[in-house]
Amino acid sequence: MPIKKKTSKKPRISKKIKIPAKLTKYLEKAGVKHEILEHKTVYTAIDAAMTIKKKMDEIAKSLLVKADKDYYLVLLPADNNLNFEKLKKVIGKIKEKEIKTIKIPGEKIIENALKIKAGTITAFGKLHKVSVIIDKKMEKVKKAVFAAGTPNYSIEMAVKDFIDLEKAIVGAVGEKKKIKKQATVKSKKRRKK
């Protein structure tokens, strides 16, 4: 009688990065109604919109900017670009002085400034000890999806609640960008005929 060998093969489990415990505690302590959305790995706000089937204006793109010596977390609809001149005016009004330079720092600078790992920035500035500026177009949607500090999860909550929680500064800082649609292989073949 043949002997059956037991194999020690373990089922493959995809290693998804969980939502940071610090963020979960922060939201629970604040008592803000929110939903944690799990999705496939995404690295851009546009990819998030396509993956979770939301409109571009319902996805908040998070950008860390350095204005002179201070850092700010700027949130825009996914299909918007940051308008540096408009942002200078908004921050200048807050600081009551002219802002000379605004730039988006590289990953290493972000890691050092916020004491986080690359790609783990959330939309919640209080967790990173920076002020939040949100584009006023975001106020037009009731609910939005915000970065949770991991490529596999996002937070959906009412925009009004987010603004109140973060004491976010609302201003016109973005502008609609033109998204070029890639031609499909079939349409390329048709053009050749």
N, C-alpha and C. Protein backbone atom coordinates (compact mmCIF):
# COMPACT_ATOMS: atom_id res chain seq x y z
N MET A 1 0.85 -1.17 0.00
CA MET A 1 0.00 0.00 0.00
C MET A 1 0.90 1.24 0.00
N PRO A 2 0.68 2.19 -0.98
CA PRO A 2 1.53 3.38 -1.05
C PRO A 2 1.27 4.34 0.11
N ILE A 3 2.34 4.97 0.54
CA ILE A 3 2.24 5.94 1.64
C ILE A 3 2.06 7.34 1.05
N LYS A 4 1.06 8.02 1.54
CA LYS A 4 0.81 9.40 1.07
C LYS A 4 1.66 10.36 1.87
N LYS A 5 2.39 11.15 1.14
CA LYS A 5 3.22 12.16 1.82
C LYS A 5 2.41 13.43 2.04
N LYS A 6 2.59 13.97 3.18
CA LYS A 6 1.95 15.26 3.47
C LYS A 6 2.85 16.35 2.92
N THR A 7 2.27 17.22 2.17
CA THR A 7 3.07 18.33 1.65
C THR A 7 2.91 19.52 2.59
N SER A 8 3.96 20.27 2.70
CA SER A 8 3.90 21.43 3.58
C SER A 8 3.64 22.72 2.80
N LYS A 9 3.09 22.53 1.62
CA LYS A 9 2.79 23.73 0.81
C LYS A 9 1.66 24.50 1.46
N LYS A 10 1.93 25.77 1.64
CA LYS A 10 0.91 26.65 2.23
C LYS A 10 0.22 27.38 1.09
N PRO A 11 -1.05 27.66 1.25
CA PRO A 11 -1.73 28.41 0.19
C PRO A 11 -1.11 29.79 0.05
N ARG A 12 -1.02 30.22 -1.17
CA ARG A 12 -0.45 31.56 -1.41
C ARG A 12 -1.40 32.63 -0.92
N ILE A 13 -0.87 33.48 -0.11
CA ILE A 13 -1.67 34.59 0.41
C ILE A 13 -1.01 35.87 -0.08
N SER A 14 -1.81 36.68 -0.75
CA SER A 14 -1.23 37.93 -1.24
C SER A 14 -0.95 38.84 -0.05
N LYS A 15 0.20 39.45 -0.08
CA LYS A 15 0.58 40.33 1.03
C LYS A 15 0.06 41.73 0.76
N LYS A 16 -1.10 42.02 1.30
CA LYS A 16 -1.65 43.36 1.17
C LYS A 16 -1.28 44.13 2.42
N ILE A 17 -0.92 45.36 2.21
CA ILE A 17 -0.57 46.21 3.33
C ILE A 17 -1.88 46.69 3.96
N LYS A 18 -2.04 46.46 5.23
CA LYS A 18 -3.25 46.85 5.93
C LYS A 18 -3.28 48.35 6.19
N ILE A 19 -4.47 48.84 6.49
CA ILE A 19 -4.64 50.26 6.82
C ILE A 19 -3.87 50.54 8.12
N PRO A 20 -3.14 51.65 8.19
CA PRO A 20 -2.37 51.95 9.40
C PRO A 20 -3.26 52.04 10.65
N ALA A 21 -2.83 51.38 11.72
CA ALA A 21 -3.58 51.39 12.98
C ALA A 21 -3.76 52.81 13.50
N LYS A 22 -2.74 53.64 13.28
CA LYS A 22 -2.79 55.04 13.73
C LYS A 22 -3.98 55.77 13.08
N LEU A 23 -4.24 55.49 11.81
CA LEU A 23 -5.36 56.12 11.10
C LEU A 23 -6.69 55.59 11.62
N THR A 24 -6.77 54.29 11.82
CA THR A 24 -8.00 53.68 12.34
C THR A 24 -8.35 54.29 13.70
N LYS A 25 -7.37 54.37 14.60
CA LYS A 25 -7.60 54.95 15.93
C LYS A 25 -8.03 56.41 15.83
N TYR A 26 -7.37 57.14 14.94
CA TYR A 26 -7.66 58.57 14.74
C TYR A 26 -9.13 58.76 14.34
N LEU A 27 -9.59 57.98 13.36
CA LEU A 27 -10.97 58.11 12.88
C LEU A 27 -11.98 57.65 13.92
N GLU A 28 -11.66 56.56 14.61
CA GLU A 28 -12.57 56.07 15.65
C GLU A 28 -12.69 57.05 16.81
N LYS A 29 -11.56 57.60 17.22
CA LYS A 29 -11.56 58.58 18.32
C LYS A 29 -12.37 59.82 17.94
N ALA A 30 -12.27 60.24 16.67
CA ALA A 30 -13.00 61.42 16.20
C ALA A 30 -14.50 61.14 16.08
N GLY A 31 -14.86 59.87 16.00
CA GLY A 31 -16.27 59.50 15.88
C GLY A 31 -16.88 59.91 14.54
N VAL A 32 -16.06 59.97 13.53
CA VAL A 32 -16.52 60.39 12.21
C VAL A 32 -16.98 59.16 11.42
N LYS A 33 -18.15 59.27 10.82
CA LYS A 33 -18.67 58.17 10.01
C LYS A 33 -17.79 58.02 8.77
N HIS A 34 -17.28 56.82 8.56
CA HIS A 34 -16.41 56.55 7.41
C HIS A 34 -16.52 55.08 7.02
N GLU A 35 -16.05 54.79 5.82
CA GLU A 35 -16.03 53.42 5.35
C GLU A 35 -14.63 53.12 4.83
N ILE A 36 -14.11 51.95 5.20
CA ILE A 36 -12.80 51.53 4.71
C ILE A 36 -13.05 50.71 3.44
N LEU A 37 -12.45 51.14 2.34
CA LEU A 37 -12.61 50.46 1.07
C LEU A 37 -11.35 49.65 0.76
N GLU A 38 -11.51 48.35 0.53
CA GLU A 38 -10.39 47.51 0.13
C GLU A 38 -10.46 47.37 -1.39
N HIS A 39 -9.32 47.46 -2.06
CA HIS A 39 -9.28 47.38 -3.52
C HIS A 39 -7.95 46.84 -3.98
N LYS A 40 -7.85 46.59 -5.27
CA LYS A 40 -6.56 46.12 -5.80
C LYS A 40 -5.52 47.23 -5.63
N THR A 41 -4.28 46.87 -5.71
CA THR A 41 -3.19 47.81 -5.51
C THR A 41 -3.22 48.93 -6.54
N VAL A 42 -3.25 50.17 -6.06
CA VAL A 42 -3.22 51.35 -6.94
C VAL A 42 -2.22 52.36 -6.38
N TYR A 43 -1.63 53.13 -7.29
CA TYR A 43 -0.65 54.12 -6.86
C TYR A 43 -1.01 55.55 -7.26
N THR A 44 -2.09 55.70 -8.03
CA THR A 44 -2.52 57.05 -8.40
C THR A 44 -4.00 57.21 -8.13
N ALA A 45 -4.42 58.46 -8.00
CA ALA A 45 -5.83 58.74 -7.75
C ALA A 45 -6.69 58.33 -8.95
N ILE A 46 -6.16 58.48 -10.15
CA ILE A 46 -6.91 58.09 -11.35
C ILE A 46 -7.11 56.58 -11.37
N ASP A 47 -6.07 55.81 -11.02
CA ASP A 47 -6.21 54.36 -10.94
C ASP A 47 -7.24 53.97 -9.88
N ALA A 48 -7.24 54.68 -8.77
CA ALA A 48 -8.20 54.41 -7.70
C ALA A 48 -9.63 54.63 -8.21
N ALA A 49 -9.85 55.71 -8.95
CA ALA A 49 -11.18 56.00 -9.49
C ALA A 49 -11.66 54.88 -10.40
N MET A 50 -10.78 54.41 -11.25
CA MET A 50 -11.15 53.34 -12.19
C MET A 50 -11.38 52.02 -11.46
N THR A 51 -10.55 51.74 -10.47
CA THR A 51 -10.63 50.47 -9.73
C THR A 51 -11.89 50.38 -8.89
N ILE A 52 -12.22 51.44 -8.17
CA ILE A 52 -13.39 51.38 -7.27
C ILE A 52 -14.64 51.99 -7.90
N LYS A 53 -14.55 52.25 -9.19
CA LYS A 53 -15.71 52.71 -9.98
C LYS A 53 -16.36 53.97 -9.40
N LYS A 54 -15.53 54.97 -9.17
CA LYS A 54 -16.01 56.27 -8.70
C LYS A 54 -15.67 57.33 -9.73
N LYS A 55 -16.41 58.42 -9.69
CA LYS A 55 -16.11 59.55 -10.58
C LYS A 55 -14.82 60.21 -10.12
N MET A 56 -14.12 60.82 -11.07
CA MET A 56 -12.84 61.46 -10.77
C MET A 56 -12.95 62.52 -9.68
N ASP A 57 -14.09 63.26 -9.66
CA ASP A 57 -14.22 64.33 -8.66
C ASP A 57 -14.57 63.79 -7.27
N GLU A 58 -14.79 62.46 -7.17
CA GLU A 58 -15.06 61.84 -5.87
C GLU A 58 -13.81 61.22 -5.25
N ILE A 59 -12.68 61.34 -5.94
CA ILE A 59 -11.41 60.81 -5.45
C ILE A 59 -10.49 61.98 -5.13
N ALA A 60 -10.00 62.03 -3.90
CA ALA A 60 -9.11 63.11 -3.48
C ALA A 60 -7.65 62.69 -3.71
N LYS A 61 -6.98 63.43 -4.57
CA LYS A 61 -5.56 63.21 -4.81
C LYS A 61 -4.80 63.98 -3.73
N SER A 62 -3.85 63.32 -3.06
CA SER A 62 -3.08 63.95 -1.97
C SER A 62 -1.67 64.30 -2.44
N LEU A 63 -1.31 65.56 -2.28
CA LEU A 63 0.03 66.02 -2.65
C LEU A 63 0.65 66.75 -1.47
N LEU A 64 1.88 66.41 -1.16
CA LEU A 64 2.59 67.17 -0.14
C LEU A 64 3.38 68.25 -0.87
N VAL A 65 3.24 69.48 -0.41
CA VAL A 65 3.98 70.60 -1.03
C VAL A 65 4.77 71.32 0.06
N LYS A 66 5.85 71.96 -0.39
CA LYS A 66 6.64 72.79 0.51
C LYS A 66 6.52 74.22 0.01
N ALA A 67 5.98 75.07 0.87
CA ALA A 67 5.81 76.49 0.54
C ALA A 67 6.80 77.25 1.41
N ASP A 68 7.83 77.78 0.78
CA ASP A 68 8.97 78.36 1.48
C ASP A 68 9.53 77.30 2.44
N LYS A 69 9.30 77.43 3.75
CA LYS A 69 9.85 76.45 4.69
C LYS A 69 8.81 75.51 5.29
N ASP A 70 7.53 75.74 4.98
CA ASP A 70 6.45 74.96 5.59
C ASP A 70 5.88 73.92 4.63
N TYR A 71 5.42 72.80 5.21
CA TYR A 71 4.79 71.74 4.42
C TYR A 71 3.27 71.83 4.56
N TYR A 72 2.58 71.48 3.47
CA TYR A 72 1.12 71.44 3.45
C TYR A 72 0.70 70.19 2.67
N LEU A 73 -0.42 69.62 3.09
CA LEU A 73 -1.01 68.53 2.35
C LEU A 73 -2.14 69.13 1.53
N VAL A 74 -2.04 69.01 0.21
CA VAL A 74 -3.03 69.60 -0.68
C VAL A 74 -3.85 68.49 -1.32
N LEU A 75 -5.17 68.62 -1.24
CA LEU A 75 -6.08 67.63 -1.81
C LEU A 75 -6.84 68.23 -2.98
N LEU A 76 -6.84 67.49 -4.07
CA LEU A 76 -7.51 67.92 -5.31
C LEU A 76 -8.34 66.78 -5.86
N PRO A 77 -9.36 67.08 -6.69
CA PRO A 77 -10.03 65.99 -7.39
C PRO A 77 -9.01 65.26 -8.27
N ALA A 78 -9.18 63.96 -8.46
CA ALA A 78 -8.22 63.13 -9.19
C ALA A 78 -7.88 63.67 -10.57
N ASP A 79 -8.83 64.30 -11.23
CA ASP A 79 -8.60 64.79 -12.59
C ASP A 79 -8.17 66.26 -12.64
N ASN A 80 -7.59 66.73 -11.55
CA ASN A 80 -7.10 68.10 -11.50
C ASN A 80 -5.59 68.12 -11.29
N ASN A 81 -4.96 69.15 -11.80
CA ASN A 81 -3.55 69.43 -11.53
C ASN A 81 -3.48 70.58 -10.54
N LEU A 82 -2.40 70.63 -9.81
CA LEU A 82 -2.17 71.72 -8.87
C LEU A 82 -1.75 72.96 -9.64
N ASN A 83 -2.40 74.08 -9.33
CA ASN A 83 -2.01 75.36 -9.92
C ASN A 83 -1.15 76.06 -8.86
N PHE A 84 0.15 76.11 -9.11
CA PHE A 84 1.09 76.64 -8.12
C PHE A 84 0.84 78.11 -7.79
N GLU A 85 0.44 78.89 -8.78
CA GLU A 85 0.19 80.32 -8.54
C GLU A 85 -1.04 80.52 -7.63
N LYS A 86 -2.09 79.74 -7.89
CA LYS A 86 -3.28 79.83 -7.05
C LYS A 86 -2.96 79.39 -5.62
N LEU A 87 -2.15 78.33 -5.50
CA LEU A 87 -1.78 77.84 -4.17
C LEU A 87 -0.95 78.88 -3.42
N LYS A 88 -0.05 79.55 -4.13
CA LYS A 88 0.75 80.61 -3.51
C LYS A 88 -0.15 81.68 -2.90
N LYS A 89 -1.21 82.05 -3.64
CA LYS A 89 -2.13 83.08 -3.15
C LYS A 89 -2.89 82.61 -1.91
N VAL A 90 -3.36 81.34 -1.94
CA VAL A 90 -4.11 80.81 -0.80
C VAL A 90 -3.22 80.76 0.45
N ILE A 91 -2.02 80.22 0.31
CA ILE A 91 -1.10 80.13 1.46
C ILE A 91 -0.65 81.52 1.90
N GLY A 92 -0.39 82.41 0.93
CA GLY A 92 0.00 83.78 1.25
C GLY A 92 -1.05 84.49 2.08
N LYS A 93 -2.31 84.24 1.76
CA LYS A 93 -3.42 84.84 2.50
C LYS A 93 -3.44 84.31 3.95
N ILE A 94 -3.19 82.99 4.11
CA ILE A 94 -3.17 82.38 5.44
C ILE A 94 -2.01 82.94 6.27
N LYS A 95 -0.85 82.98 5.65
CA LYS A 95 0.38 83.40 6.33
C LYS A 95 0.52 84.91 6.43
N GLU A 96 -0.31 85.61 5.67
CA GLU A 96 -0.26 87.08 5.60
C GLU A 96 1.11 87.57 5.16
N LYS A 97 1.66 86.85 4.20
CA LYS A 97 2.93 87.27 3.59
C LYS A 97 3.04 86.60 2.22
N GLU A 98 3.88 87.16 1.38
CA GLU A 98 4.07 86.60 0.04
C GLU A 98 4.88 85.30 0.12
N ILE A 99 4.42 84.29 -0.58
CA ILE A 99 5.12 83.01 -0.66
C ILE A 99 6.02 83.06 -1.89
N LYS A 100 7.30 82.81 -1.69
CA LYS A 100 8.25 82.91 -2.79
C LYS A 100 8.35 81.64 -3.62
N THR A 101 8.46 80.48 -2.97
CA THR A 101 8.59 79.22 -3.72
C THR A 101 7.65 78.15 -3.20
N ILE A 102 7.12 77.42 -4.14
CA ILE A 102 6.31 76.25 -3.82
C ILE A 102 6.83 75.11 -4.69
N LYS A 103 7.07 73.97 -4.06
CA LYS A 103 7.51 72.82 -4.83
C LYS A 103 6.98 71.53 -4.21
N ILE A 104 6.96 70.50 -5.03
CA ILE A 104 6.57 69.18 -4.56
C ILE A 104 7.88 68.43 -4.28
N PRO A 105 8.13 68.10 -3.02
CA PRO A 105 9.40 67.44 -2.68
C PRO A 105 9.45 65.99 -3.18
N GLY A 106 10.66 65.48 -3.34
CA GLY A 106 10.85 64.09 -3.73
C GLY A 106 10.53 63.14 -2.58
N GLU A 107 10.48 61.84 -2.90
CA GLU A 107 10.09 60.84 -1.91
C GLU A 107 10.99 60.82 -0.68
N LYS A 108 12.29 60.92 -0.86
CA LYS A 108 13.22 60.88 0.29
C LYS A 108 12.98 62.06 1.24
N ILE A 109 12.73 63.22 0.66
CA ILE A 109 12.45 64.41 1.48
C ILE A 109 11.14 64.23 2.24
N ILE A 110 10.13 63.67 1.55
CA ILE A 110 8.83 63.41 2.20
C ILE A 110 9.03 62.43 3.36
N GLU A 111 9.77 61.35 3.12
CA GLU A 111 10.02 60.36 4.16
C GLU A 111 10.66 61.00 5.39
N ASN A 112 11.67 61.84 5.15
CA ASN A 112 12.38 62.49 6.26
C ASN A 112 11.53 63.55 6.95
N ALA A 113 10.82 64.35 6.17
CA ALA A 113 10.02 65.44 6.74
C ALA A 113 8.85 64.93 7.59
N LEU A 114 8.19 63.86 7.11
CA LEU A 114 7.01 63.35 7.80
C LEU A 114 7.29 62.10 8.64
N LYS A 115 8.51 61.60 8.55
CA LYS A 115 8.91 60.39 9.28
C LYS A 115 8.01 59.21 8.92
N ILE A 116 7.85 58.99 7.61
CA ILE A 116 7.03 57.89 7.10
C ILE A 116 7.81 57.14 6.02
N LYS A 117 7.31 55.95 5.65
CA LYS A 117 7.90 55.19 4.56
C LYS A 117 7.32 55.71 3.24
N ALA A 118 8.05 55.51 2.15
CA ALA A 118 7.57 55.94 0.83
C ALA A 118 6.21 55.34 0.53
N GLY A 119 5.32 56.17 0.00
CA GLY A 119 3.99 55.71 -0.41
C GLY A 119 2.99 55.50 0.71
N THR A 120 3.30 55.96 1.92
CA THR A 120 2.37 55.74 3.03
C THR A 120 1.71 57.03 3.52
N ILE A 121 1.75 58.06 2.72
CA ILE A 121 1.10 59.32 3.12
C ILE A 121 -0.42 59.14 3.05
N THR A 122 -1.10 59.69 4.02
CA THR A 122 -2.56 59.65 4.02
C THR A 122 -3.07 61.04 3.65
N ALA A 123 -4.36 61.15 3.52
CA ALA A 123 -4.97 62.46 3.25
C ALA A 123 -5.20 63.24 4.54
N PHE A 124 -4.87 62.62 5.66
CA PHE A 124 -5.16 63.19 6.98
C PHE A 124 -3.93 63.90 7.53
N GLY A 125 -3.87 65.20 7.29
CA GLY A 125 -2.70 66.01 7.66
C GLY A 125 -2.38 66.00 9.14
N LYS A 126 -3.39 65.90 9.98
CA LYS A 126 -3.12 65.91 11.44
C LYS A 126 -2.23 64.73 11.84
N LEU A 127 -2.37 63.61 11.15
CA LEU A 127 -1.51 62.45 11.44
C LEU A 127 -0.05 62.74 11.09
N HIS A 128 0.15 63.60 10.11
CA HIS A 128 1.49 63.94 9.65
C HIS A 128 1.97 65.29 10.21
N LYS A 129 1.13 65.91 11.02
CA LYS A 129 1.43 67.22 11.63
C LYS A 129 1.66 68.31 10.60
N VAL A 130 0.80 68.31 9.57
CA VAL A 130 0.82 69.38 8.56
C VAL A 130 -0.61 69.87 8.32
N SER A 131 -0.73 71.11 7.89
CA SER A 131 -2.04 71.68 7.57
C SER A 131 -2.54 71.13 6.24
N VAL A 132 -3.86 71.04 6.13
CA VAL A 132 -4.48 70.53 4.91
C VAL A 132 -5.17 71.66 4.17
N ILE A 133 -4.93 71.69 2.86
CA ILE A 133 -5.63 72.62 1.97
C ILE A 133 -6.38 71.75 0.99
N ILE A 134 -7.69 71.99 0.87
CA ILE A 134 -8.51 71.19 -0.03
C ILE A 134 -9.11 72.10 -1.10
N ASP A 135 -9.06 71.64 -2.34
CA ASP A 135 -9.61 72.43 -3.43
C ASP A 135 -11.12 72.58 -3.25
N LYS A 136 -11.62 73.77 -3.51
CA LYS A 136 -13.04 74.04 -3.26
C LYS A 136 -13.96 73.21 -4.14
N LYS A 137 -13.45 72.65 -5.24
CA LYS A 137 -14.28 71.78 -6.08
C LYS A 137 -14.69 70.51 -5.33
N MET A 138 -13.89 70.11 -4.35
CA MET A 138 -14.20 68.91 -3.57
C MET A 138 -15.48 69.09 -2.74
N GLU A 139 -15.81 70.34 -2.42
CA GLU A 139 -17.03 70.60 -1.63
C GLU A 139 -18.30 70.28 -2.42
N LYS A 140 -18.19 70.17 -3.74
CA LYS A 140 -19.38 69.92 -4.58
C LYS A 140 -19.88 68.49 -4.48
N VAL A 141 -19.02 67.58 -4.00
CA VAL A 141 -19.45 66.19 -3.85
C VAL A 141 -19.75 65.92 -2.38
N LYS A 142 -20.77 65.10 -2.13
CA LYS A 142 -21.12 64.81 -0.73
C LYS A 142 -20.08 63.93 -0.07
N LYS A 143 -19.70 62.84 -0.76
CA LYS A 143 -18.72 61.90 -0.22
C LYS A 143 -17.53 61.84 -1.16
N ALA A 144 -16.36 61.58 -0.58
CA ALA A 144 -15.16 61.42 -1.40
C ALA A 144 -14.32 60.29 -0.81
N VAL A 145 -13.39 59.83 -1.63
CA VAL A 145 -12.48 58.76 -1.23
C VAL A 145 -11.11 59.39 -0.99
N PHE A 146 -10.53 59.10 0.19
CA PHE A 146 -9.28 59.71 0.62
C PHE A 146 -8.20 58.65 0.81
N ALA A 147 -6.94 59.03 0.58
CA ALA A 147 -5.80 58.12 0.74
C ALA A 147 -5.68 57.66 2.19
N ALA A 148 -5.45 56.34 2.35
CA ALA A 148 -5.36 55.75 3.68
C ALA A 148 -3.94 55.36 4.06
N GLY A 149 -2.96 55.70 3.22
CA GLY A 149 -1.58 55.37 3.55
C GLY A 149 -1.14 54.00 3.11
N THR A 150 -1.91 53.37 2.25
CA THR A 150 -1.60 52.05 1.70
C THR A 150 -2.19 51.96 0.30
N PRO A 151 -1.54 51.23 -0.61
CA PRO A 151 -2.08 51.13 -1.98
C PRO A 151 -3.29 50.21 -2.12
N ASN A 152 -3.70 49.53 -1.04
CA ASN A 152 -4.81 48.58 -1.11
C ASN A 152 -6.08 49.02 -0.38
N TYR A 153 -6.03 50.15 0.29
CA TYR A 153 -7.19 50.62 1.04
C TYR A 153 -7.35 52.12 0.87
N SER A 154 -8.59 52.56 0.97
CA SER A 154 -8.91 53.99 0.95
C SER A 154 -10.01 54.22 1.97
N ILE A 155 -10.23 55.47 2.31
CA ILE A 155 -11.28 55.85 3.26
C ILE A 155 -12.32 56.68 2.51
N GLU A 156 -13.58 56.28 2.62
CA GLU A 156 -14.67 57.07 2.04
C GLU A 156 -15.43 57.72 3.18
N MET A 157 -15.63 59.03 3.03
CA MET A 157 -16.37 59.75 4.06
C MET A 157 -16.94 61.04 3.47
N ALA A 158 -17.83 61.67 4.20
CA ALA A 158 -18.42 62.93 3.76
C ALA A 158 -17.33 64.00 3.71
N VAL A 159 -17.31 64.77 2.64
CA VAL A 159 -16.31 65.82 2.47
C VAL A 159 -16.43 66.84 3.60
N LYS A 160 -17.65 67.18 3.96
CA LYS A 160 -17.87 68.15 5.05
C LYS A 160 -17.24 67.65 6.34
N ASP A 161 -17.42 66.35 6.65
CA ASP A 161 -16.82 65.76 7.86
C ASP A 161 -15.30 65.81 7.80
N PHE A 162 -14.74 65.54 6.60
CA PHE A 162 -13.29 65.58 6.44
C PHE A 162 -12.77 66.99 6.70
N ILE A 163 -13.42 67.98 6.12
CA ILE A 163 -13.00 69.38 6.28
C ILE A 163 -13.06 69.78 7.76
N ASP A 164 -14.15 69.40 8.43
CA ASP A 164 -14.30 69.72 9.85
C ASP A 164 -13.23 69.00 10.69
N LEU A 165 -13.02 67.72 10.43
CA LEU A 165 -12.06 66.92 11.19
C LEU A 165 -10.64 67.47 11.06
N GLU A 166 -10.26 67.81 9.83
CA GLU A 166 -8.90 68.26 9.57
C GLU A 166 -8.72 69.78 9.73
N LYS A 167 -9.83 70.47 9.95
CA LYS A 167 -9.80 71.94 9.98
C LYS A 167 -9.10 72.43 8.71
N ALA A 168 -9.51 71.80 7.60
CA ALA A 168 -8.88 72.06 6.30
C ALA A 168 -9.21 73.45 5.78
N ILE A 169 -8.25 74.02 5.10
CA ILE A 169 -8.41 75.32 4.44
C ILE A 169 -8.97 75.04 3.06
N VAL A 170 -10.07 75.68 2.72
CA VAL A 170 -10.70 75.47 1.42
C VAL A 170 -10.33 76.63 0.51
N GLY A 171 -9.83 76.30 -0.68
CA GLY A 171 -9.44 77.34 -1.64
C GLY A 171 -9.36 76.79 -3.05
N ALA A 172 -9.36 77.69 -4.01
CA ALA A 172 -9.24 77.30 -5.43
C ALA A 172 -7.75 77.10 -5.73
N VAL A 173 -7.31 75.84 -5.76
CA VAL A 173 -5.88 75.57 -5.97
C VAL A 173 -5.63 74.61 -7.14
N GLY A 174 -6.67 74.11 -7.74
CA GLY A 174 -6.50 73.15 -8.83
C GLY A 174 -7.09 73.63 -10.13
N GLU A 175 -6.77 72.89 -11.18
CA GLU A 175 -7.37 73.15 -12.49
C GLU A 175 -7.52 71.82 -13.20
N LYS A 176 -8.61 71.71 -13.94
CA LYS A 176 -8.93 70.47 -14.64
C LYS A 176 -7.81 70.14 -15.61
N LYS A 177 -7.39 68.86 -15.61
CA LYS A 177 -6.35 68.47 -16.57
C LYS A 177 -6.99 67.65 -17.68
N LYS A 178 -6.35 67.69 -18.81
CA LYS A 178 -6.84 66.92 -19.95
C LYS A 178 -6.19 65.55 -19.90
N ILE A 179 -7.02 64.53 -19.83
CA ILE A 179 -6.53 63.16 -19.78
C ILE A 179 -6.60 62.59 -21.19
N LYS A 180 -5.44 62.21 -21.71
CA LYS A 180 -5.38 61.63 -23.05
C LYS A 180 -5.77 60.17 -22.95
N LYS A 181 -6.70 59.77 -23.79
CA LYS A 181 -7.10 58.37 -23.82
C LYS A 181 -6.19 57.65 -24.79
N GLN A 182 -5.70 56.50 -24.36
CA GLN A 182 -4.82 55.71 -25.21
C GLN A 182 -5.65 54.99 -26.26
N ALA A 183 -5.12 54.99 -27.47
CA ALA A 183 -5.80 54.30 -28.56
C ALA A 183 -5.67 52.80 -28.34
N THR A 184 -6.74 52.08 -28.62
CA THR A 184 -6.70 50.63 -28.47
C THR A 184 -6.00 50.01 -29.67
N VAL A 185 -5.59 48.78 -29.53
CA VAL A 185 -4.91 48.08 -30.62
C VAL A 185 -5.82 47.99 -31.84
N LYS A 186 -7.11 47.70 -31.64
CA LYS A 186 -8.06 47.60 -32.76
C LYS A 186 -8.17 48.91 -33.51
N SER A 187 -8.27 50.02 -32.79
CA SER A 187 -8.42 51.31 -33.47
C SER A 187 -7.15 51.68 -34.22
N LYS A 188 -5.99 51.24 -33.74
CA LYS A 188 -4.73 51.50 -34.45
C LYS A 188 -4.71 50.71 -35.75
N LYS A 189 -5.21 49.46 -35.70
CA LYS A 189 -5.24 48.63 -36.91
C LYS A 189 -6.18 49.22 -37.94
N ARG A 190 -7.31 49.74 -37.47
CA ARG A 190 -8.28 50.34 -38.41
C ARG A 190 -7.68 51.53 -39.14
N ARG A 191 -6.89 52.32 -38.42
CA ARG A 191 -6.27 53.49 -39.06
C ARG A 191 -5.27 53.10 -40.13
N LYS A 192 -4.62 51.96 -39.97
CA LYS A 192 -3.64 51.52 -40.94
C LYS A 192 -4.26 51.05 -42.25
N LYS A 193 -5.53 50.60 -42.19
CA LYS A 193 -6.22 50.08 -43.41
C LYS A 193 -6.62 51.15 -44.35
